[in-house]
Amino acid sequence: MAKTVLAVDDSKSILQMVSFTLKGAGYQVVVANNGQEALGMIQRQQVDLVLTDLNMPVMDGLTLVQRLRAQPSYRFTPILMLTTEAGNDFKAKGKAAGLTGWLIKPFDPQKLLGVVKKVLG
């Protein structure tokens, strides 16, 4: 059975590129436009990996990570940040919130697939 990835980003073009890349590699992909929408999505469907942007309206990526980690069913689920932010302070906050990894936009599709495969096993 294919692993399911929840992609969270307020950019439709990023969501399309991430979905195209992951679906082409055999993953199922569900999408949300912000952290609040993502939290609603996981109430309806369990996912194997969350790939989220940092800067989004309504609820940002770090808040989403904190809320996911507070839920027992997502305590150990891999969560990757895909963002334009590369600063060490952002990465430190992400690690403290429980992030599994950090990827920088624009992303290389093969690198994204490599990281996803690595964290999903």
C-alpha atoms as a PDB file:
ATOM      1  CA  MET A   1       0.000   0.000   0.000  1.00  0.00           C
ATOM      2  CA  ALA A   2       1.314   3.438  -0.943  1.00  0.00           C
ATOM      3  CA  LYS A   3       2.462   5.780   1.808  1.00  0.00           C
ATOM      4  CA  THR A   4       0.421   8.975   2.154  1.00  0.00           C
ATOM      5  CA  VAL A   5       2.077  12.391   2.322  1.00  0.00           C
ATOM      6  CA  LEU A   6       0.307  15.540   3.502  1.00  0.00           C
ATOM      7  CA  ALA A   7       1.754  18.564   1.681  1.00  0.00           C
ATOM      8  CA  VAL A   8       0.985  21.920   3.322  1.00  0.00           C
ATOM      9  CA  ASP A   9       1.750  25.203   1.526  1.00  0.00           C
ATOM     10  CA  ASP A  10      -0.096  28.396   0.641  1.00  0.00           C
ATOM     11  CA  SER A  11       1.501  28.350  -2.830  1.00  0.00           C
ATOM     12  CA  LYS A  12      -0.590  26.417  -5.356  1.00  0.00           C
ATOM     13  CA  SER A  13       2.403  26.043  -7.677  1.00  0.00           C
ATOM     14  CA  ILE A  14       4.546  24.485  -4.916  1.00  0.00           C
ATOM     15  CA  LEU A  15       1.707  22.108  -4.000  1.00  0.00           C
ATOM     16  CA  GLN A  16       1.389  21.114  -7.656  1.00  0.00           C
ATOM     17  CA  MET A  17       5.134  20.491  -8.040  1.00  0.00           C
ATOM     18  CA  VAL A  18       5.363  18.525  -4.774  1.00  0.00           C
ATOM     19  CA  SER A  19       2.258  16.478  -5.661  1.00  0.00           C
ATOM     20  CA  PHE A  20       3.513  15.747  -9.184  1.00  0.00           C
ATOM     21  CA  THR A  21       6.938  14.689  -7.879  1.00  0.00           C
ATOM     22  CA  LEU A  22       5.617  12.454  -5.099  1.00  0.00           C
ATOM     23  CA  LYS A  23       2.751  10.907  -7.072  1.00  0.00           C
ATOM     24  CA  GLY A  24       5.201  10.083  -9.860  1.00  0.00           C
ATOM     25  CA  ALA A  25       7.197   8.065  -7.322  1.00  0.00           C
ATOM     26  CA  GLY A  26       4.121   6.141  -6.158  1.00  0.00           C
ATOM     27  CA  TYR A  27       3.104   8.110  -3.067  1.00  0.00           C
ATOM     28  CA  GLN A  28      -0.445   9.202  -2.333  1.00  0.00           C
ATOM     29  CA  VAL A  29      -0.627  12.946  -1.715  1.00  0.00           C
ATOM     30  CA  VAL A  30      -3.205  15.039   0.098  1.00  0.00           C
ATOM     31  CA  VAL A  31      -2.842  18.816   0.287  1.00  0.00           C
ATOM     32  CA  ALA A  32      -3.718  21.684   2.602  1.00  0.00           C
ATOM     33  CA  ASN A  33      -3.219  25.441   2.152  1.00  0.00           C
ATOM     34  CA  ASN A  34      -2.230  26.238   5.758  1.00  0.00           C
ATOM     35  CA  GLY A  35      -1.628  24.642   9.128  1.00  0.00           C
ATOM     36  CA  GLN A  36      -5.232  24.952  10.292  1.00  0.00           C
ATOM     37  CA  GLU A  37      -6.465  23.164   7.169  1.00  0.00           C
ATOM     38  CA  ALA A  38      -3.808  20.481   7.709  1.00  0.00           C
ATOM     39  CA  LEU A  39      -5.011  19.818  11.261  1.00  0.00           C
ATOM     40  CA  GLY A  40      -8.536  19.339   9.927  1.00  0.00           C
ATOM     41  CA  MET A  41      -7.217  16.987   7.244  1.00  0.00           C
ATOM     42  CA  ILE A  42      -5.441  14.683   9.714  1.00  0.00           C
ATOM     43  CA  GLN A  43      -8.661  14.321  11.698  1.00  0.00           C
ATOM     44  CA  ARG A  44     -10.176  12.675   8.613  1.00  0.00           C
ATOM     45  CA  GLN A  45      -7.160  10.757   7.306  1.00  0.00           C
ATOM     46  CA  GLN A  46      -3.991   9.343   8.862  1.00  0.00           C
ATOM     47  CA  VAL A  47      -0.845  10.273   6.925  1.00  0.00           C
ATOM     48  CA  ASP A  48       2.658   8.788   6.966  1.00  0.00           C
ATOM     49  CA  LEU A  49       4.600  12.038   6.403  1.00  0.00           C
ATOM     50  CA  VAL A  50       3.890  15.763   6.674  1.00  0.00           C
ATOM     51  CA  LEU A  51       5.744  18.150   4.357  1.00  0.00           C
ATOM     52  CA  THR A  52       5.006  21.741   5.351  1.00  0.00           C
ATOM     53  CA  ASP A  53       5.977  25.292   4.483  1.00  0.00           C
ATOM     54  CA  LEU A  54       7.038  27.653   7.268  1.00  0.00           C
ATOM     55  CA  ASN A  55       5.403  30.966   6.324  1.00  0.00           C
ATOM     56  CA  MET A  56       1.659  30.571   5.741  1.00  0.00           C
ATOM     57  CA  PRO A  57      -1.457  32.540   6.655  1.00  0.00           C
ATOM     58  CA  VAL A  58      -3.873  31.335   9.370  1.00  0.00           C
ATOM     59  CA  MET A  59      -1.325  28.929  10.970  1.00  0.00           C
ATOM     60  CA  ASP A  60       2.391  28.779  10.211  1.00  0.00           C
ATOM     61  CA  GLY A  61       4.475  25.633   9.849  1.00  0.00           C
ATOM     62  CA  LEU A  62       6.143  25.767  13.268  1.00  0.00           C
ATOM     63  CA  THR A  63       2.784  26.027  15.029  1.00  0.00           C
ATOM     64  CA  LEU A  64       1.537  23.127  12.915  1.00  0.00           C
ATOM     65  CA  VAL A  65       4.545  21.003  13.941  1.00  0.00           C
ATOM     66  CA  GLN A  66       3.928  21.773  17.624  1.00  0.00           C
ATOM     67  CA  ARG A  67       0.230  20.889  17.335  1.00  0.00           C
ATOM     68  CA  LEU A  68       1.001  17.658  15.474  1.00  0.00           C
ATOM     69  CA  ARG A  69       3.618  16.579  18.022  1.00  0.00           C
ATOM     70  CA  ALA A  70       1.084  17.165  20.817  1.00  0.00           C
ATOM     71  CA  GLN A  71      -1.116  14.428  19.327  1.00  0.00           C
ATOM     72  CA  PRO A  72      -0.160  10.863  20.288  1.00  0.00           C
ATOM     73  CA  SER A  73      -0.753   9.510  16.762  1.00  0.00           C
ATOM     74  CA  TYR A  74       1.709  12.050  15.287  1.00  0.00           C
ATOM     75  CA  ARG A  75       4.382  12.022  17.972  1.00  0.00           C
ATOM     76  CA  PHE A  76       6.766   9.998  15.768  1.00  0.00           C
ATOM     77  CA  THR A  77       5.459  10.772  12.267  1.00  0.00           C
ATOM     78  CA  PRO A  78       8.171  12.305  10.066  1.00  0.00           C
ATOM     79  CA  ILE A  79       7.630  16.040   9.495  1.00  0.00           C
ATOM     80  CA  LEU A  80       9.730  17.907   6.941  1.00  0.00           C
ATOM     81  CA  MET A  81       9.872  21.680   6.477  1.00  0.00           C
ATOM     82  CA  LEU A  82      10.061  22.870   2.848  1.00  0.00           C
ATOM     83  CA  THR A  83      10.702  26.617   2.916  1.00  0.00           C
ATOM     84  CA  THR A  84      12.720  29.511   1.544  1.00  0.00           C
ATOM     85  CA  GLU A  85      14.046  30.213   5.060  1.00  0.00           C
ATOM     86  CA  ALA A  86      17.583  28.931   5.557  1.00  0.00           C
ATOM     87  CA  GLY A  87      18.614  30.705   8.775  1.00  0.00           C
ATOM     88  CA  ASN A  88      20.023  28.700  11.663  1.00  0.00           C
ATOM     89  CA  ASP A  89      17.586  30.355  14.099  1.00  0.00           C
ATOM     90  CA  PHE A  90      14.631  29.026  12.089  1.00  0.00           C
ATOM     91  CA  LYS A  91      16.212  25.574  11.919  1.00  0.00           C
ATOM     92  CA  ALA A  92      16.822  25.571  15.676  1.00  0.00           C
ATOM     93  CA  LYS A  93      13.177  26.504  16.333  1.00  0.00           C
ATOM     94  CA  GLY A  94      12.098  23.765  13.947  1.00  0.00           C
ATOM     95  CA  LYS A  95      14.245  21.159  15.657  1.00  0.00           C
ATOM     96  CA  ALA A  96      12.934  22.232  19.063  1.00  0.00           C
ATOM     97  CA  ALA A  97       9.361  21.917  17.752  1.00  0.00           C
ATOM     98  CA  GLY A  98      10.049  18.358  16.598  1.00  0.00           C
ATOM     99  CA  LEU A  99      10.929  18.618  12.914  1.00  0.00           C
ATOM    100  CA  THR A 100      12.529  15.611  11.259  1.00  0.00           C
ATOM    101  CA  GLY A 101      14.260  17.611   8.514  1.00  0.00           C
ATOM    102  CA  TRP A 102      14.586  20.900   6.639  1.00  0.00           C
ATOM    103  CA  LEU A 103      14.542  21.408   2.846  1.00  0.00           C
ATOM    104  CA  ILE A 104      15.084  24.679   1.009  1.00  0.00           C
ATOM    105  CA  LYS A 105      12.956  26.003  -1.881  1.00  0.00           C
ATOM    106  CA  PRO A 106      13.310  25.845  -4.760  1.00  0.00           C
ATOM    107  CA  PHE A 107      13.669  22.109  -4.309  1.00  0.00           C
ATOM    108  CA  ASP A 108      15.341  19.522  -6.485  1.00  0.00           C
ATOM    109  CA  PRO A 109      12.720  16.794  -7.157  1.00  0.00           C
ATOM    110  CA  GLN A 110      15.294  13.983  -6.860  1.00  0.00           C
ATOM    111  CA  LYS A 111      16.596  15.354  -3.564  1.00  0.00           C
ATOM    112  CA  LEU A 112      13.033  15.641  -2.237  1.00  0.00           C
ATOM    113  CA  LEU A 113      12.328  12.036  -3.223  1.00  0.00           C
ATOM    114  CA  GLY A 114      15.583  10.900  -1.621  1.00  0.00           C
ATOM    115  CA  VAL A 115      14.738  12.568   1.692  1.00  0.00           C
ATOM    116  CA  VAL A 116      11.132  11.312   1.653  1.00  0.00           C
ATOM    117  CA  LYS A 117      12.290   7.749   0.941  1.00  0.00           C
ATOM    118  CA  LYS A 118      14.896   7.989   3.712  1.00  0.00           C
ATOM    119  CA  VAL A 119      12.466   9.189   6.416  1.00  0.00           C
ATOM    120  CA  LEU A 120       9.701   6.781   5.396  1.00  0.00           C
ATOM    121  CA  GLY A 121      12.046   3.785   5.305  1.00  0.00           C
END
